[in-house]
Amino acid sequence: MRGTYLHLPTSVGPLLAAWSEQGVAYVGFHAQAEAGLAWCRAQWPRAQWQAHQGPVPDWLQRMAALQPGPCPVLDLSASTALQRVVWQALQQVPWGQRCSYAELAARVQQRRAVRAVASAVARNRWAWLVPCHRVWRSNGAVGGFRWGVPLKHALCAYEQAQPAAEAA
């Protein structure tokens, strides 16, 4: 597999995006590109990752500007059926709103498997595209976030301050 990556600034911190002909493989917030690339290399050891040359793809321009829009095709290889269902449900949580892990489990018909659903949320590898930052604990506590709790707060605050209609 040949993969392409781009490390670019956003208002909440540097973003690394990696994609191939199969779709978007990874999007994460990293000060240094190498941190995200190391994860990609571990997941796809045979892939050859090269820096993107040319215009920034539209979906990535929207992401860098933290704007809503249609989700590009995601590379769902190496994911379970539950992860795919949970990640799809995360994309249905409206801009600027939150849900709890228990609510998300109910949405995917897994009311008794809240921990498994939370584990699938934690394995999300597409920051912002699959908005796991919108999932909080039932008691209102933040819970975790792969790219850091301060960033989770910043992303939610951004959405609260800019309604989706204005952001689009």
N, C-alpha and C. Protein backbone atom coordinates (compact mmCIF):
# COMPACT_ATOMS: atom_id res chain seq x y z
N MET A 1 0.85 -1.19 0.00
CA MET A 1 0.00 0.00 0.00
C MET A 1 0.89 1.24 0.00
N ARG A 2 0.50 2.21 -0.79
CA ARG A 2 1.14 3.52 -0.78
C ARG A 2 0.23 4.47 -0.04
N GLY A 3 0.80 5.16 0.92
CA GLY A 3 0.03 6.12 1.70
C GLY A 3 0.63 7.51 1.60
N THR A 4 -0.23 8.47 1.80
CA THR A 4 0.17 9.87 1.74
C THR A 4 -0.18 10.51 3.07
N TYR A 5 0.63 11.43 3.52
CA TYR A 5 0.32 12.14 4.76
C TYR A 5 0.60 13.62 4.60
N LEU A 6 -0.04 14.39 5.46
CA LEU A 6 0.17 15.83 5.49
C LEU A 6 0.03 16.29 6.93
N HIS A 7 0.97 17.09 7.37
CA HIS A 7 0.97 17.66 8.72
C HIS A 7 0.72 19.15 8.54
N LEU A 8 -0.37 19.66 9.14
CA LEU A 8 -0.71 21.06 8.92
C LEU A 8 -1.30 21.69 10.18
N PRO A 9 -1.24 23.00 10.27
CA PRO A 9 -1.75 23.69 11.46
C PRO A 9 -3.27 23.81 11.46
N THR A 10 -3.84 23.85 12.66
CA THR A 10 -5.24 24.20 12.86
C THR A 10 -5.29 25.17 14.04
N SER A 11 -6.45 25.73 14.31
CA SER A 11 -6.55 26.67 15.42
C SER A 11 -6.42 26.00 16.78
N VAL A 12 -6.53 24.67 16.83
CA VAL A 12 -6.40 23.96 18.11
C VAL A 12 -5.12 23.13 18.19
N GLY A 13 -4.28 23.20 17.18
CA GLY A 13 -3.02 22.47 17.21
C GLY A 13 -2.74 21.76 15.89
N PRO A 14 -1.49 21.35 15.69
CA PRO A 14 -1.10 20.69 14.45
C PRO A 14 -1.82 19.35 14.25
N LEU A 15 -2.15 19.07 13.02
CA LEU A 15 -2.94 17.91 12.65
C LEU A 15 -2.15 17.07 11.65
N LEU A 16 -2.16 15.76 11.84
CA LEU A 16 -1.57 14.85 10.86
C LEU A 16 -2.69 14.04 10.25
N ALA A 17 -2.77 14.02 8.94
CA ALA A 17 -3.74 13.20 8.22
C ALA A 17 -2.96 12.25 7.31
N ALA A 18 -3.41 10.99 7.27
CA ALA A 18 -2.78 9.98 6.42
C ALA A 18 -3.88 9.26 5.65
N TRP A 19 -3.66 9.05 4.36
CA TRP A 19 -4.69 8.42 3.54
C TRP A 19 -4.03 7.62 2.42
N SER A 20 -4.83 6.75 1.83
CA SER A 20 -4.38 5.94 0.70
C SER A 20 -5.56 5.76 -0.25
N GLU A 21 -5.39 4.92 -1.23
CA GLU A 21 -6.49 4.65 -2.16
C GLU A 21 -7.66 3.96 -1.45
N GLN A 22 -7.44 3.36 -0.28
CA GLN A 22 -8.52 2.73 0.48
C GLN A 22 -9.36 3.75 1.26
N GLY A 23 -8.84 4.94 1.45
CA GLY A 23 -9.55 5.97 2.19
C GLY A 23 -8.65 6.62 3.23
N VAL A 24 -9.25 7.42 4.09
CA VAL A 24 -8.51 8.11 5.14
C VAL A 24 -8.16 7.07 6.21
N ALA A 25 -6.88 6.90 6.46
CA ALA A 25 -6.41 5.90 7.40
C ALA A 25 -6.32 6.45 8.82
N TYR A 26 -5.96 7.73 8.95
CA TYR A 26 -5.69 8.28 10.28
C TYR A 26 -5.77 9.80 10.23
N VAL A 27 -6.32 10.38 11.28
CA VAL A 27 -6.27 11.82 11.49
C VAL A 27 -6.07 12.03 12.99
N GLY A 28 -5.01 12.72 13.34
CA GLY A 28 -4.74 12.95 14.76
C GLY A 28 -4.02 14.26 14.98
N PHE A 29 -4.14 14.75 16.18
CA PHE A 29 -3.49 16.00 16.55
C PHE A 29 -2.12 15.67 17.16
N HIS A 30 -1.07 16.11 16.48
CA HIS A 30 0.30 15.83 16.92
C HIS A 30 1.18 17.05 16.65
N ALA A 31 1.96 17.44 17.65
CA ALA A 31 2.90 18.54 17.46
C ALA A 31 3.94 18.18 16.41
N GLN A 32 4.35 16.93 16.40
CA GLN A 32 5.33 16.44 15.42
C GLN A 32 4.69 15.36 14.58
N ALA A 33 4.87 15.42 13.28
CA ALA A 33 4.28 14.44 12.37
C ALA A 33 4.70 13.02 12.71
N GLU A 34 5.92 12.84 13.16
CA GLU A 34 6.45 11.50 13.38
C GLU A 34 5.63 10.69 14.39
N ALA A 35 5.02 11.34 15.36
CA ALA A 35 4.21 10.61 16.35
C ALA A 35 3.04 9.90 15.67
N GLY A 36 2.33 10.59 14.82
CA GLY A 36 1.22 9.98 14.10
C GLY A 36 1.69 8.99 13.06
N LEU A 37 2.79 9.30 12.39
CA LEU A 37 3.32 8.38 11.39
C LEU A 37 3.79 7.07 12.01
N ALA A 38 4.33 7.14 13.22
CA ALA A 38 4.76 5.92 13.91
C ALA A 38 3.56 5.00 14.13
N TRP A 39 2.43 5.58 14.50
CA TRP A 39 1.22 4.78 14.69
C TRP A 39 0.80 4.15 13.37
N CYS A 40 0.81 4.93 12.29
CA CYS A 40 0.43 4.42 10.97
C CYS A 40 1.37 3.30 10.53
N ARG A 41 2.66 3.47 10.76
CA ARG A 41 3.62 2.44 10.38
C ARG A 41 3.39 1.15 11.16
N ALA A 42 3.00 1.27 12.42
CA ALA A 42 2.72 0.08 13.22
C ALA A 42 1.46 -0.63 12.73
N GLN A 43 0.45 0.12 12.32
CA GLN A 43 -0.80 -0.46 11.83
C GLN A 43 -0.66 -1.07 10.44
N TRP A 44 0.11 -0.42 9.60
CA TRP A 44 0.31 -0.85 8.22
C TRP A 44 1.81 -0.96 7.94
N PRO A 45 2.46 -2.01 8.48
CA PRO A 45 3.92 -2.10 8.38
C PRO A 45 4.45 -2.22 6.95
N ARG A 46 3.65 -2.68 6.02
CA ARG A 46 4.11 -2.81 4.63
C ARG A 46 3.87 -1.54 3.81
N ALA A 47 3.15 -0.61 4.37
CA ALA A 47 2.83 0.62 3.63
C ALA A 47 4.06 1.52 3.51
N GLN A 48 4.08 2.25 2.45
CA GLN A 48 5.11 3.26 2.24
C GLN A 48 4.44 4.62 2.33
N TRP A 49 4.77 5.38 3.35
CA TRP A 49 4.14 6.68 3.58
C TRP A 49 5.03 7.78 3.01
N GLN A 50 4.42 8.65 2.23
CA GLN A 50 5.16 9.77 1.67
C GLN A 50 4.39 11.07 1.91
N ALA A 51 5.14 12.16 2.04
CA ALA A 51 4.52 13.47 2.26
C ALA A 51 3.71 13.87 1.03
N HIS A 52 2.54 14.44 1.28
CA HIS A 52 1.66 14.90 0.19
C HIS A 52 2.30 16.06 -0.54
N GLN A 53 2.20 16.00 -1.84
CA GLN A 53 2.66 17.09 -2.71
C GLN A 53 1.45 17.59 -3.47
N GLY A 54 1.30 18.87 -3.61
CA GLY A 54 0.20 19.42 -4.37
C GLY A 54 -0.85 20.05 -3.49
N PRO A 55 -2.00 20.37 -4.10
CA PRO A 55 -3.06 21.06 -3.35
C PRO A 55 -3.60 20.19 -2.20
N VAL A 56 -3.99 20.87 -1.15
CA VAL A 56 -4.59 20.17 0.00
C VAL A 56 -6.00 19.73 -0.39
N PRO A 57 -6.33 18.45 -0.18
CA PRO A 57 -7.68 17.97 -0.53
C PRO A 57 -8.76 18.78 0.21
N ASP A 58 -9.93 18.93 -0.43
CA ASP A 58 -11.02 19.72 0.15
C ASP A 58 -11.38 19.27 1.55
N TRP A 59 -11.51 17.95 1.77
CA TRP A 59 -11.90 17.46 3.09
C TRP A 59 -10.88 17.86 4.15
N LEU A 60 -9.61 17.91 3.77
CA LEU A 60 -8.57 18.26 4.72
C LEU A 60 -8.52 19.77 4.96
N GLN A 61 -8.83 20.55 3.95
CA GLN A 61 -8.95 22.00 4.15
C GLN A 61 -10.05 22.31 5.16
N ARG A 62 -11.21 21.62 5.02
CA ARG A 62 -12.32 21.81 5.97
C ARG A 62 -11.88 21.42 7.37
N MET A 63 -11.18 20.29 7.48
CA MET A 63 -10.73 19.85 8.80
C MET A 63 -9.80 20.87 9.43
N ALA A 64 -8.83 21.36 8.66
CA ALA A 64 -7.85 22.31 9.19
C ALA A 64 -8.55 23.59 9.66
N ALA A 65 -9.66 23.93 9.02
CA ALA A 65 -10.44 25.11 9.41
C ALA A 65 -11.50 24.77 10.46
N LEU A 66 -11.55 23.50 10.90
CA LEU A 66 -12.55 23.02 11.86
C LEU A 66 -13.97 23.34 11.39
N GLN A 67 -14.25 23.01 10.14
CA GLN A 67 -15.56 23.24 9.56
C GLN A 67 -16.27 21.91 9.34
N PRO A 68 -17.57 21.88 9.54
CA PRO A 68 -18.31 20.64 9.29
C PRO A 68 -18.40 20.38 7.78
N GLY A 69 -18.70 19.17 7.46
CA GLY A 69 -18.87 18.82 6.05
C GLY A 69 -18.95 17.31 5.92
N PRO A 70 -19.17 16.86 4.72
CA PRO A 70 -19.28 15.41 4.52
C PRO A 70 -17.97 14.71 4.86
N CYS A 71 -18.10 13.54 5.43
CA CYS A 71 -16.94 12.76 5.80
C CYS A 71 -16.40 12.05 4.57
N PRO A 72 -15.10 12.11 4.35
CA PRO A 72 -14.53 11.35 3.23
C PRO A 72 -14.59 9.85 3.52
N VAL A 73 -14.28 9.05 2.54
CA VAL A 73 -14.25 7.60 2.72
C VAL A 73 -13.15 7.26 3.74
N LEU A 74 -13.51 6.46 4.72
CA LEU A 74 -12.56 6.04 5.75
C LEU A 74 -12.02 4.66 5.43
N ASP A 75 -10.77 4.42 5.72
CA ASP A 75 -10.17 3.09 5.57
C ASP A 75 -10.52 2.32 6.84
N LEU A 76 -11.47 1.42 6.71
CA LEU A 76 -11.96 0.67 7.87
C LEU A 76 -11.26 -0.67 8.05
N SER A 77 -10.16 -0.88 7.35
CA SER A 77 -9.44 -2.14 7.53
C SER A 77 -8.98 -2.25 8.99
N ALA A 78 -8.87 -3.46 9.42
CA ALA A 78 -8.42 -3.76 10.79
C ALA A 78 -9.38 -3.21 11.84
N SER A 79 -10.65 -3.17 11.53
CA SER A 79 -11.64 -2.74 12.53
C SER A 79 -12.69 -3.83 12.68
N THR A 80 -13.32 -3.86 13.84
CA THR A 80 -14.35 -4.86 14.11
C THR A 80 -15.71 -4.32 13.68
N ALA A 81 -16.67 -5.22 13.63
CA ALA A 81 -18.04 -4.81 13.28
C ALA A 81 -18.57 -3.81 14.30
N LEU A 82 -18.33 -4.05 15.59
CA LEU A 82 -18.80 -3.12 16.62
C LEU A 82 -18.14 -1.76 16.45
N GLN A 83 -16.85 -1.72 16.20
CA GLN A 83 -16.17 -0.44 15.99
C GLN A 83 -16.80 0.32 14.83
N ARG A 84 -17.05 -0.36 13.73
CA ARG A 84 -17.63 0.33 12.57
C ARG A 84 -19.00 0.91 12.90
N VAL A 85 -19.82 0.16 13.64
CA VAL A 85 -21.16 0.64 14.01
C VAL A 85 -21.05 1.83 14.96
N VAL A 86 -20.15 1.75 15.92
CA VAL A 86 -19.97 2.85 16.88
C VAL A 86 -19.44 4.09 16.16
N TRP A 87 -18.47 3.91 15.29
CA TRP A 87 -17.91 5.07 14.58
C TRP A 87 -18.95 5.72 13.68
N GLN A 88 -19.81 4.92 13.08
CA GLN A 88 -20.89 5.47 12.27
C GLN A 88 -21.87 6.25 13.15
N ALA A 89 -22.17 5.70 14.31
CA ALA A 89 -23.08 6.39 15.24
C ALA A 89 -22.47 7.70 15.74
N LEU A 90 -21.18 7.73 15.95
CA LEU A 90 -20.52 8.97 16.38
C LEU A 90 -20.71 10.07 15.35
N GLN A 91 -20.72 9.71 14.08
CA GLN A 91 -20.91 10.70 13.03
C GLN A 91 -22.32 11.27 13.02
N GLN A 92 -23.23 10.63 13.73
CA GLN A 92 -24.62 11.10 13.79
C GLN A 92 -24.87 12.02 14.99
N VAL A 93 -23.90 12.15 15.90
CA VAL A 93 -24.07 13.05 17.04
C VAL A 93 -23.95 14.47 16.50
N PRO A 94 -25.00 15.28 16.66
CA PRO A 94 -25.01 16.62 16.03
C PRO A 94 -23.90 17.53 16.54
N TRP A 95 -23.47 18.40 15.65
CA TRP A 95 -22.48 19.44 15.93
C TRP A 95 -22.87 20.20 17.19
N GLY A 96 -21.92 20.38 18.08
CA GLY A 96 -22.15 21.17 19.28
C GLY A 96 -22.90 20.45 20.38
N GLN A 97 -23.30 19.21 20.15
CA GLN A 97 -24.02 18.45 21.17
C GLN A 97 -23.13 17.34 21.71
N ARG A 98 -23.53 16.81 22.84
CA ARG A 98 -22.80 15.72 23.47
C ARG A 98 -23.76 14.57 23.72
N CYS A 99 -23.19 13.41 23.88
CA CYS A 99 -23.95 12.26 24.35
C CYS A 99 -23.07 11.50 25.32
N SER A 100 -23.67 10.64 26.10
CA SER A 100 -22.90 9.83 27.05
C SER A 100 -22.55 8.50 26.39
N TYR A 101 -21.62 7.80 27.00
CA TYR A 101 -21.26 6.47 26.51
C TYR A 101 -22.48 5.55 26.56
N ALA A 102 -23.29 5.69 27.62
CA ALA A 102 -24.49 4.86 27.75
C ALA A 102 -25.50 5.19 26.64
N GLU A 103 -25.67 6.47 26.34
CA GLU A 103 -26.57 6.86 25.24
C GLU A 103 -26.07 6.33 23.90
N LEU A 104 -24.77 6.39 23.71
CA LEU A 104 -24.20 5.87 22.47
C LEU A 104 -24.41 4.36 22.38
N ALA A 105 -24.22 3.66 23.49
CA ALA A 105 -24.45 2.20 23.52
C ALA A 105 -25.90 1.89 23.15
N ALA A 106 -26.83 2.69 23.64
CA ALA A 106 -28.25 2.48 23.30
C ALA A 106 -28.49 2.74 21.81
N ARG A 107 -27.84 3.75 21.25
CA ARG A 107 -28.01 4.07 19.83
C ARG A 107 -27.57 2.92 18.93
N VAL A 108 -26.57 2.16 19.39
CA VAL A 108 -26.07 1.05 18.57
C VAL A 108 -26.61 -0.29 19.05
N GLN A 109 -27.69 -0.24 19.85
CA GLN A 109 -28.38 -1.44 20.32
C GLN A 109 -27.48 -2.34 21.17
N GLN A 110 -26.63 -1.71 22.00
CA GLN A 110 -25.71 -2.45 22.86
C GLN A 110 -25.79 -1.91 24.29
N ARG A 111 -27.01 -1.74 24.80
CA ARG A 111 -27.21 -1.14 26.13
C ARG A 111 -26.40 -1.82 27.24
N ARG A 112 -26.19 -3.10 27.12
CA ARG A 112 -25.50 -3.85 28.18
C ARG A 112 -23.99 -3.92 27.93
N ALA A 113 -23.53 -3.26 26.90
CA ALA A 113 -22.11 -3.33 26.53
C ALA A 113 -21.47 -1.94 26.48
N VAL A 114 -21.75 -1.13 27.49
CA VAL A 114 -21.25 0.25 27.50
C VAL A 114 -19.72 0.26 27.46
N ARG A 115 -19.08 -0.63 28.19
CA ARG A 115 -17.61 -0.65 28.19
C ARG A 115 -17.06 -1.01 26.81
N ALA A 116 -17.68 -1.96 26.13
CA ALA A 116 -17.23 -2.33 24.79
C ALA A 116 -17.41 -1.16 23.82
N VAL A 117 -18.52 -0.45 23.97
CA VAL A 117 -18.77 0.73 23.13
C VAL A 117 -17.73 1.81 23.45
N ALA A 118 -17.45 2.03 24.73
CA ALA A 118 -16.44 3.01 25.12
C ALA A 118 -15.07 2.63 24.57
N SER A 119 -14.77 1.35 24.54
CA SER A 119 -13.51 0.88 23.98
C SER A 119 -13.44 1.17 22.48
N ALA A 120 -14.55 0.98 21.78
CA ALA A 120 -14.59 1.30 20.35
C ALA A 120 -14.40 2.80 20.13
N VAL A 121 -14.99 3.62 20.98
CA VAL A 121 -14.80 5.08 20.89
C VAL A 121 -13.32 5.40 21.08
N ALA A 122 -12.69 4.77 22.05
CA ALA A 122 -11.28 5.04 22.34
C ALA A 122 -10.36 4.63 21.19
N ARG A 123 -10.81 3.69 20.38
CA ARG A 123 -9.99 3.23 19.26
C ARG A 123 -10.23 4.04 17.97
N ASN A 124 -11.06 5.04 18.05
CA ASN A 124 -11.29 5.92 16.91
C ASN A 124 -9.96 6.51 16.45
N ARG A 125 -9.68 6.41 15.18
CA ARG A 125 -8.42 6.94 14.66
C ARG A 125 -8.61 8.11 13.71
N TRP A 126 -9.77 8.75 13.80
CA TRP A 126 -10.05 9.89 12.92
C TRP A 126 -10.54 11.08 13.73
N ALA A 127 -9.62 11.75 14.41
CA ALA A 127 -10.00 12.94 15.18
C ALA A 127 -10.80 13.88 14.30
N TRP A 128 -11.82 14.43 14.85
CA TRP A 128 -12.71 15.41 14.23
C TRP A 128 -13.61 14.79 13.17
N LEU A 129 -13.09 13.94 12.27
CA LEU A 129 -13.95 13.32 11.25
C LEU A 129 -14.98 12.41 11.89
N VAL A 130 -14.55 11.65 12.87
CA VAL A 130 -15.44 10.79 13.66
C VAL A 130 -15.41 11.41 15.06
N PRO A 131 -16.39 12.25 15.37
CA PRO A 131 -16.31 13.16 16.51
C PRO A 131 -16.48 12.52 17.89
N CYS A 132 -15.48 11.74 18.28
CA CYS A 132 -15.53 11.10 19.60
C CYS A 132 -15.39 12.13 20.73
N HIS A 133 -14.96 13.34 20.40
CA HIS A 133 -14.87 14.39 21.43
C HIS A 133 -16.26 14.77 21.96
N ARG A 134 -17.31 14.37 21.27
CA ARG A 134 -18.68 14.70 21.70
C ARG A 134 -19.24 13.70 22.71
N VAL A 135 -18.48 12.67 23.06
CA VAL A 135 -18.95 11.65 24.01
C VAL A 135 -18.32 11.91 25.36
N TRP A 136 -19.17 12.07 26.37
CA TRP A 136 -18.74 12.34 27.74
C TRP A 136 -19.39 11.30 28.65
N ARG A 137 -18.95 11.26 29.87
CA ARG A 137 -19.53 10.34 30.84
C ARG A 137 -20.94 10.80 31.22
N SER A 138 -21.75 9.85 31.70
CA SER A 138 -23.14 10.15 32.07
C SER A 138 -23.23 11.21 33.17
N ASN A 139 -22.21 11.28 34.04
CA ASN A 139 -22.23 12.25 35.13
C ASN A 139 -21.72 13.62 34.70
N GLY A 140 -21.43 13.80 33.40
CA GLY A 140 -20.97 15.07 32.88
C GLY A 140 -19.46 15.22 32.87
N ALA A 141 -18.75 14.25 33.44
CA ALA A 141 -17.28 14.30 33.43
C ALA A 141 -16.77 14.06 32.01
N VAL A 142 -15.61 14.59 31.74
CA VAL A 142 -15.07 14.57 30.38
C VAL A 142 -14.75 13.16 29.88
N GLY A 143 -14.28 12.27 30.71
CA GLY A 143 -13.80 10.98 30.23
C GLY A 143 -12.43 11.19 29.60
N GLY A 144 -11.98 10.26 28.81
CA GLY A 144 -10.67 10.37 28.19
C GLY A 144 -10.75 10.91 26.77
N PHE A 145 -9.59 11.08 26.16
CA PHE A 145 -9.50 11.50 24.77
C PHE A 145 -8.09 11.19 24.29
N ARG A 146 -7.99 10.45 23.22
CA ARG A 146 -6.71 9.98 22.69
C ARG A 146 -5.70 11.12 22.51
N TRP A 147 -6.17 12.30 22.15
CA TRP A 147 -5.27 13.41 21.86
C TRP A 147 -5.22 14.42 23.01
N GLY A 148 -5.71 14.02 24.19
CA GLY A 148 -5.61 14.85 25.37
C GLY A 148 -6.92 15.53 25.74
N VAL A 149 -7.22 15.52 27.03
CA VAL A 149 -8.45 16.11 27.55
C VAL A 149 -8.54 17.61 27.25
N PRO A 150 -7.44 18.38 27.35
CA PRO A 150 -7.55 19.80 27.00
C PRO A 150 -8.03 20.02 25.56
N LEU A 151 -7.59 19.18 24.64
CA LEU A 151 -8.04 19.31 23.26
C LEU A 151 -9.52 18.95 23.13
N LYS A 152 -9.97 17.95 23.89
CA LYS A 152 -11.39 17.59 23.87
C LYS A 152 -12.24 18.78 24.31
N HIS A 153 -11.80 19.44 25.37
CA HIS A 153 -12.50 20.65 25.83
C HIS A 153 -12.49 21.73 24.74
N ALA A 154 -11.34 21.92 24.10
CA ALA A 154 -11.21 22.97 23.08
C ALA A 154 -12.12 22.69 21.88
N LEU A 155 -12.19 21.45 21.44
CA LEU A 155 -13.05 21.11 20.30
C LEU A 155 -14.53 21.32 20.64
N CYS A 156 -14.93 20.89 21.82
CA CYS A 156 -16.33 21.08 22.23
C CYS A 156 -16.65 22.57 22.39
N ALA A 157 -15.73 23.33 22.98
CA ALA A 157 -15.95 24.77 23.14
C ALA A 157 -16.05 25.45 21.78
N TYR A 158 -15.24 25.04 20.84
CA TYR A 158 -15.29 25.61 19.49
C TYR A 158 -16.67 25.38 18.88
N GLU A 159 -17.16 24.14 18.99
CA GLU A 159 -18.48 23.84 18.42
C GLU A 159 -19.58 24.62 19.12
N GLN A 160 -19.47 24.80 20.42
CA GLN A 160 -20.48 25.56 21.17
C GLN A 160 -20.48 27.02 20.73
N ALA A 161 -19.31 27.56 20.47
CA ALA A 161 -19.18 28.98 20.12
C ALA A 161 -19.57 29.26 18.67
N GLN A 162 -19.52 28.24 17.82
CA GLN A 162 -19.83 28.45 16.41
C GLN A 162 -20.87 27.43 15.97
N PRO A 163 -22.13 27.81 15.97
CA PRO A 163 -23.17 26.89 15.51
C PRO A 163 -22.88 26.36 14.13
N ALA A 164 -23.33 25.16 13.85
CA ALA A 164 -23.03 24.48 12.58
C ALA A 164 -23.42 25.30 11.36
N ALA A 165 -24.54 26.00 11.42
CA ALA A 165 -24.98 26.79 10.27
C ALA A 165 -23.97 27.89 9.94
N GLU A 166 -23.37 28.48 10.96
CA GLU A 166 -22.34 29.50 10.75
C GLU A 166 -21.04 28.90 10.29
N ALA A 167 -20.75 27.68 10.77
CA ALA A 167 -19.48 27.03 10.45
C ALA A 167 -19.46 26.53 9.01
N ALA A 168 -20.63 26.20 8.48
CA ALA A 168 -20.67 25.62 7.12
C ALA A 168 -20.42 26.64 6.04
